[in-house]
Amino acid sequence: MATLSGNFVPQNGGGLVQEDSSGAMDSERASAYANLKQYLSSRGLGSLFNETDGVPSGWLWTQLINGVDTESELVQAIETTSEFQSRFGIIFELRKRAAAGENVYVPTVDDVISYEQSVTETLRNAGMPLNLYSSTQQLHSYMSNQLSASEIEDRVIQVWNTVQSASPDIKAEFASIIGNGSDAYFAAYILDPETTRVAMEQEIQKAVVGGTATTFGVDIDNTTRDRLANLPLSEAGFSEGFSNISSNAEIFQESISEVDDLTAGVEGVGMEFEGDAAARTRAEQRVIKRKSIDRAASGGAQTGGDGIAGLRGY
């Protein structure tokens, strides 16, 4: 490869041509410079070349002086620069993982750029928070987790379906857990691959428990909510359980003469979800006492094979 000699000088229109020792202009070399400059600019590496009053300098100019004047040669040389390694570090990361035997896809520079554009468009159009796509580091974290652009698009659709189908109480509970009430952050929390799937599902389950309890008017504290979230129940299962507790609401309302403190959020939850025999006994004793009082007036304490009448659902 022949190296460059002579000086590059500006021509009309702002292009550069080389002037050799005889004064002739090397338009072929100038064209190569312009093409390589465009290649770097399109990949966010404009810092690798510079022109002052039409006079080129910088890394690209040095490469041309040293005889690098084709795109393929530039691609090989550019990977050694700190600018490239910073901008496209994901490529080196995935190459290293692949070399270690991990089954990962190693993208090209063009793959990375196409991925960034596609994912950014998807998340922006879905109204996702800016921090999910505002930096190449964040976008590259999705690549690191081997999430394809189409997978992210599918996940966005699934997430929004979850958001839209959630009850207001569940959405409000989720908002209290993550500290932000917007649907976008609700969706983003589910989407963000930085959060492990186990953690995501656990937080969602907590929201289901707390929100469903609110729907049925059962007051539970966060400790109880988090404990119930570990149960293998669906939203329908929690709805049934809290409905049962709500149907026995009168049991948890003390009369003037009653001193035992029974609550739906403690004894009710214990009976319904956790098989708390002691809680059931306390509730049954309350029913028995009430029936004893009623019997004098109405003559009717009733029991059945399923337990004390008046303790519905247990």
Protein backbone atom coordinates (compact mmCIF):
# COMPACT_ATOMS: atom_id res chain seq x y z
CA MET A 1 0.00 0.00 0.00
CA ALA A 2 1.46 3.29 -1.10
CA THR A 3 1.55 6.01 1.50
CA LEU A 4 0.41 9.57 0.96
CA SER A 5 2.71 12.44 0.19
CA GLY A 6 2.16 16.09 -0.53
CA ASN A 7 -0.54 18.28 0.98
CA PHE A 8 -4.34 18.09 1.05
CA VAL A 9 -5.88 21.40 0.04
CA PRO A 10 -9.52 22.52 -0.09
CA GLN A 11 -11.40 22.56 -3.37
CA ASN A 12 -14.68 24.23 -4.29
CA GLY A 13 -17.54 22.68 -2.32
CA GLY A 14 -15.38 21.97 0.72
CA GLY A 15 -13.83 18.69 -0.46
CA LEU A 16 -10.15 17.89 -0.12
CA VAL A 17 -7.73 16.83 -2.81
CA GLN A 18 -4.06 16.00 -2.53
CA GLU A 19 -1.42 18.06 -4.17
CA ASP A 20 1.63 16.00 -5.15
CA SER A 21 5.12 17.32 -5.72
CA SER A 22 4.23 18.41 -9.25
CA GLY A 23 1.14 20.26 -8.13
CA ALA A 24 -1.36 17.67 -9.44
CA MET A 25 -4.44 16.93 -7.30
CA ASP A 26 -4.98 13.36 -6.06
CA SER A 27 -8.78 13.30 -6.22
CA GLU A 28 -8.87 9.53 -5.62
CA ARG A 29 -7.23 9.95 -2.24
CA ALA A 30 -9.50 12.86 -1.41
CA SER A 31 -12.51 10.71 -2.25
CA ALA A 32 -11.21 7.95 0.03
CA TYR A 33 -10.83 10.46 2.85
CA ALA A 34 -14.36 11.76 2.36
CA ASN A 35 -15.80 8.24 2.33
CA LEU A 36 -13.93 7.16 5.44
CA LYS A 37 -14.91 10.37 7.20
CA GLN A 38 -18.55 9.62 6.43
CA TYR A 39 -18.10 6.05 7.70
CA LEU A 40 -16.82 7.32 11.05
CA SER A 41 -19.48 10.01 11.37
CA SER A 42 -22.31 7.54 10.77
CA ARG A 43 -21.01 5.39 13.62
CA GLY A 44 -20.68 8.16 16.16
CA LEU A 45 -16.90 8.34 15.88
CA GLY A 46 -16.49 11.85 14.56
CA SER A 47 -13.85 12.57 17.17
CA LEU A 48 -11.42 10.47 15.16
CA PHE A 49 -11.01 13.14 12.48
CA ASN A 50 -10.72 16.91 12.39
CA GLU A 51 -10.43 19.68 9.85
CA THR A 52 -9.31 23.21 10.51
CA ASP A 53 -9.72 25.64 7.62
CA GLY A 54 -9.86 22.66 5.28
CA VAL A 55 -6.69 21.10 6.67
CA PRO A 56 -7.28 17.54 7.98
CA SER A 57 -5.80 16.11 11.17
CA GLY A 58 -6.56 13.50 13.76
CA TRP A 59 -6.61 9.72 13.80
CA LEU A 60 -8.15 9.27 10.35
CA TRP A 61 -5.60 11.54 8.74
CA THR A 62 -2.81 9.59 10.39
CA GLN A 63 -4.22 6.34 9.02
CA LEU A 64 -4.34 7.76 5.50
CA ILE A 65 -0.78 8.99 5.81
CA ASN A 66 0.18 5.46 6.83
CA GLY A 67 -1.55 3.99 3.77
CA VAL A 68 -4.95 2.96 5.14
CA ASP A 69 -7.46 4.16 2.56
CA THR A 70 -10.15 1.46 2.28
CA GLU A 71 -13.10 0.74 4.55
CA SER A 72 -11.99 -2.82 5.27
CA GLU A 73 -8.55 -1.64 6.37
CA LEU A 74 -10.11 1.10 8.46
CA VAL A 75 -12.42 -1.35 10.22
CA GLN A 76 -9.42 -3.41 11.32
CA ALA A 77 -7.48 -0.36 12.48
CA ILE A 78 -10.37 1.38 14.19
CA GLU A 79 -10.96 -1.43 16.68
CA THR A 80 -7.69 -0.58 18.37
CA THR A 81 -8.85 2.92 19.31
CA SER A 82 -10.22 3.74 22.75
CA GLU A 83 -13.05 5.66 21.08
CA PHE A 84 -14.27 2.55 19.28
CA GLN A 85 -13.83 0.33 22.31
CA SER A 86 -15.90 2.74 24.38
CA ARG A 87 -18.63 3.18 21.75
CA PHE A 88 -18.90 -0.49 20.82
CA GLY A 89 -17.72 -2.23 23.97
CA ILE A 90 -20.68 -4.61 23.72
CA ILE A 91 -19.00 -6.27 20.73
CA PHE A 92 -15.87 -7.05 22.72
CA GLU A 93 -17.93 -8.27 25.66
CA LEU A 94 -19.90 -10.71 23.53
CA ARG A 95 -16.81 -11.85 21.66
CA LYS A 96 -15.17 -12.70 24.97
CA ARG A 97 -18.25 -14.59 26.16
CA ALA A 98 -18.44 -16.49 22.89
CA ALA A 99 -14.75 -17.38 23.09
CA ALA A 100 -15.41 -18.76 26.58
CA GLY A 101 -17.97 -21.13 25.12
CA GLU A 102 -21.15 -19.22 25.87
CA ASN A 103 -23.85 -19.41 23.21
CA VAL A 104 -24.27 -15.71 22.46
CA TYR A 105 -24.77 -13.73 19.28
CA VAL A 106 -21.85 -11.43 18.49
CA PRO A 107 -23.05 -8.40 16.51
CA THR A 108 -21.24 -6.35 13.91
CA VAL A 109 -20.97 -2.59 14.13
CA ASP A 110 -23.90 -2.23 11.75
CA ASP A 111 -25.90 -4.73 13.83
CA VAL A 112 -25.33 -2.62 16.94
CA ILE A 113 -26.42 0.60 15.24
CA SER A 114 -29.52 -1.04 13.74
CA TYR A 115 -30.40 -2.54 17.13
CA GLU A 116 -30.03 0.81 18.92
CA GLN A 117 -32.28 2.53 16.40
CA SER A 118 -34.95 -0.18 16.45
CA VAL A 119 -35.16 -0.54 20.23
CA THR A 120 -35.12 3.22 20.77
CA GLU A 121 -38.02 3.64 18.34
CA THR A 122 -40.00 0.84 20.00
CA LEU A 123 -39.57 2.18 23.53
CA ARG A 124 -40.14 5.80 22.56
CA ASN A 125 -43.34 4.98 20.66
CA ALA A 126 -44.59 2.96 23.63
CA GLY A 127 -44.12 5.94 25.94
CA MET A 128 -41.46 4.26 28.04
CA PRO A 129 -39.31 6.37 30.40
CA LEU A 130 -36.39 8.06 28.68
CA ASN A 131 -33.83 6.39 30.93
CA LEU A 132 -34.62 3.05 29.28
CA TYR A 133 -33.17 4.13 25.96
CA SER A 134 -31.35 7.44 26.45
CA SER A 135 -27.86 5.94 26.54
CA THR A 136 -25.98 3.38 24.52
CA GLN A 137 -25.01 1.70 27.79
CA GLN A 138 -28.66 1.02 28.60
CA LEU A 139 -29.42 -0.21 25.09
CA HIS A 140 -26.34 -2.42 25.15
CA SER A 141 -27.48 -3.96 28.43
CA TYR A 142 -30.40 -5.43 26.47
CA MET A 143 -27.95 -6.84 23.94
CA SER A 144 -25.84 -8.22 26.76
CA ASN A 145 -28.91 -10.09 27.98
CA GLN A 146 -29.42 -11.36 24.42
CA LEU A 147 -32.80 -9.68 24.01
CA SER A 148 -33.43 -9.20 20.32
CA ALA A 149 -35.19 -6.09 19.07
CA SER A 150 -38.25 -8.19 18.19
CA GLU A 151 -38.28 -9.76 21.67
CA ILE A 152 -38.29 -6.33 23.26
CA GLU A 153 -41.16 -5.27 21.02
CA ASP A 154 -43.12 -8.39 22.00
CA ARG A 155 -42.38 -7.77 25.66
CA VAL A 156 -43.57 -4.18 25.42
CA ILE A 157 -46.88 -5.42 24.01
CA GLN A 158 -47.23 -8.01 26.76
CA VAL A 159 -46.33 -5.47 29.42
CA TRP A 160 -48.91 -2.98 28.27
CA ASN A 161 -51.54 -5.71 28.17
CA THR A 162 -50.68 -6.43 31.80
CA VAL A 163 -50.88 -2.75 32.68
CA GLN A 164 -54.19 -2.17 30.98
CA SER A 165 -55.83 -5.27 32.44
CA ALA A 166 -54.71 -4.63 36.02
CA SER A 167 -57.32 -3.29 38.42
CA PRO A 168 -56.90 0.28 39.71
CA ASP A 169 -56.22 -1.07 43.20
CA ILE A 170 -53.46 -3.37 41.98
CA LYS A 171 -51.89 -0.60 39.91
CA ALA A 172 -52.03 1.75 42.89
CA GLU A 173 -50.43 -0.89 45.12
CA PHE A 174 -47.69 -1.50 42.57
CA ALA A 175 -47.08 2.24 42.40
CA SER A 176 -46.65 2.38 46.17
CA ILE A 177 -44.12 -0.45 46.00
CA ILE A 178 -41.92 1.04 43.28
CA GLY A 179 -42.49 4.65 44.26
CA ASN A 180 -43.94 5.92 40.98
CA GLY A 181 -47.53 5.81 39.88
CA SER A 182 -47.32 6.24 36.11
CA ASP A 183 -48.29 3.41 33.81
CA ALA A 184 -45.02 3.92 31.94
CA TYR A 185 -42.97 3.13 35.03
CA PHE A 186 -45.26 0.24 35.88
CA ALA A 187 -44.51 -1.19 32.44
CA ALA A 188 -40.84 -0.26 32.55
CA TYR A 189 -40.34 -2.08 35.83
CA ILE A 190 -41.64 -5.26 34.25
CA LEU A 191 -39.71 -4.71 31.05
CA ASP A 192 -36.31 -3.73 32.39
CA PRO A 193 -34.01 -6.75 32.05
CA GLU A 194 -31.74 -5.29 34.71
CA THR A 195 -34.34 -6.54 37.16
CA THR A 196 -34.40 -10.30 37.42
CA ARG A 197 -37.56 -12.12 36.46
CA VAL A 198 -37.91 -13.54 39.97
CA ALA A 199 -37.78 -10.07 41.50
CA MET A 200 -40.23 -8.70 38.95
CA GLU A 201 -42.73 -11.45 39.56
CA GLN A 202 -42.41 -11.04 43.32
CA GLU A 203 -43.14 -7.32 43.21
CA ILE A 204 -46.09 -7.88 40.91
CA GLN A 205 -47.40 -10.57 43.25
CA LYS A 206 -47.15 -8.17 46.17
CA ALA A 207 -49.18 -5.66 44.19
CA VAL A 208 -51.80 -8.31 43.43
CA VAL A 209 -52.09 -9.22 47.11
CA GLY A 210 -52.26 -5.65 48.40
CA GLY A 211 -54.49 -4.38 45.63
CA THR A 212 -56.94 -7.26 45.91
CA ALA A 213 -57.13 -6.87 49.69
CA THR A 214 -58.02 -3.21 49.16
CA THR A 215 -60.71 -4.13 46.63
CA PHE A 216 -62.44 -6.34 49.20
CA GLY A 217 -61.96 -3.91 52.06
CA VAL A 218 -59.47 -6.04 54.00
CA ASP A 219 -56.78 -3.99 55.70
CA ILE A 220 -53.39 -5.73 55.74
CA ASP A 221 -49.96 -4.36 56.54
CA ASN A 222 -46.93 -4.62 54.25
CA THR A 223 -45.44 -7.49 56.24
CA THR A 224 -48.58 -9.55 55.74
CA ARG A 225 -48.77 -8.54 52.08
CA ASP A 226 -45.19 -9.62 51.44
CA ARG A 227 -45.71 -12.90 53.29
CA LEU A 228 -48.83 -13.77 51.30
CA ALA A 229 -47.01 -12.92 48.07
CA ASN A 230 -44.95 -16.07 48.57
CA LEU A 231 -48.04 -18.26 48.30
CA PRO A 232 -48.59 -20.12 45.00
CA LEU A 233 -51.86 -18.34 44.26
CA SER A 234 -53.07 -16.44 41.21
CA GLU A 235 -54.98 -13.17 41.26
CA ALA A 236 -58.18 -15.23 41.08
CA GLY A 237 -57.08 -17.22 44.12
CA PHE A 238 -56.44 -14.10 46.15
CA SER A 239 -59.75 -12.62 45.01
CA GLU A 240 -61.60 -15.69 46.26
CA GLY A 241 -59.75 -15.63 49.57
CA PHE A 242 -60.27 -11.97 50.33
CA SER A 243 -63.89 -12.29 49.25
CA ASN A 244 -64.33 -15.02 51.86
CA ILE A 245 -62.76 -12.80 54.52
CA SER A 246 -64.96 -9.89 53.49
CA SER A 247 -68.10 -12.05 53.72
CA ASN A 248 -67.25 -12.66 57.40
CA ALA A 249 -66.65 -8.99 58.12
CA GLU A 250 -69.16 -8.91 60.99
CA ILE A 251 -67.10 -11.45 62.93
CA PHE A 252 -64.19 -9.00 63.05
CA GLN A 253 -66.29 -6.13 64.36
CA GLU A 254 -66.30 -6.09 68.16
CA SER A 255 -69.46 -5.29 70.05
CA ILE A 256 -69.38 -3.16 73.19
CA SER A 257 -69.21 -6.25 75.41
CA GLU A 258 -66.46 -8.01 73.42
CA VAL A 259 -62.86 -7.46 74.44
CA ASP A 260 -61.05 -9.89 72.14
CA ASP A 261 -59.40 -8.01 69.29
CA LEU A 262 -60.04 -9.95 66.07
CA THR A 263 -59.26 -8.37 62.70
CA ALA A 264 -59.77 -9.37 59.09
CA GLY A 265 -56.15 -8.50 58.35
CA VAL A 266 -54.78 -10.85 61.02
CA GLU A 267 -57.19 -13.61 62.06
CA GLY A 268 -59.11 -13.46 58.78
CA VAL A 269 -55.95 -13.76 56.72
CA GLY A 270 -54.60 -16.46 59.03
CA MET A 271 -57.70 -18.60 58.64
CA GLU A 272 -58.15 -18.09 54.92
CA PHE A 273 -54.64 -18.27 53.58
CA GLU A 274 -52.38 -19.78 56.22
CA GLY A 275 -54.39 -22.46 58.01
CA ASP A 276 -54.04 -20.68 61.36
CA ALA A 277 -55.89 -23.00 63.77
CA ALA A 278 -55.55 -20.60 66.67
CA ALA A 279 -57.15 -17.80 64.65
CA ARG A 280 -59.98 -20.09 63.63
CA THR A 281 -60.54 -21.11 67.25
CA ARG A 282 -60.75 -17.49 68.38
CA ALA A 283 -63.21 -16.67 65.62
CA GLU A 284 -65.35 -19.73 66.39
CA GLN A 285 -65.37 -18.85 70.09
CA ARG A 286 -66.68 -15.42 69.22
CA VAL A 287 -69.45 -16.93 67.12
CA ILE A 288 -70.33 -19.37 69.93
CA LYS A 289 -70.56 -16.57 72.48
CA ARG A 290 -72.75 -14.50 70.19
CA LYS A 291 -74.99 -17.48 69.52
CA SER A 292 -75.23 -18.15 73.24
CA ILE A 293 -76.53 -14.66 73.77
CA ASP A 294 -78.93 -14.96 70.85
CA ARG A 295 -80.21 -18.33 72.05
CA ALA A 296 -81.86 -16.85 75.10
CA ALA A 297 -83.88 -14.58 72.88
CA SER A 298 -84.43 -16.72 69.81
CA GLY A 299 -83.76 -20.24 71.03
CA GLY A 300 -81.40 -21.04 68.21
CA ALA A 301 -77.73 -21.80 68.30
CA GLN A 302 -77.01 -23.76 65.16
CA THR A 303 -74.08 -25.93 64.33
CA GLY A 304 -73.33 -28.09 61.36
CA GLY A 305 -70.84 -30.56 60.09
CA ASP A 306 -68.77 -27.81 58.55
CA GLY A 307 -68.44 -25.80 61.76
CA ILE A 308 -70.25 -23.01 63.51
CA ALA A 309 -72.99 -21.43 61.43
CA GLY A 310 -72.18 -17.78 60.87
CA LEU A 311 -68.50 -18.38 60.08
CA ARG A 312 -69.08 -18.53 56.33
CA GLY A 313 -66.63 -20.14 54.00
CA TYR A 314 -64.63 -22.04 56.62
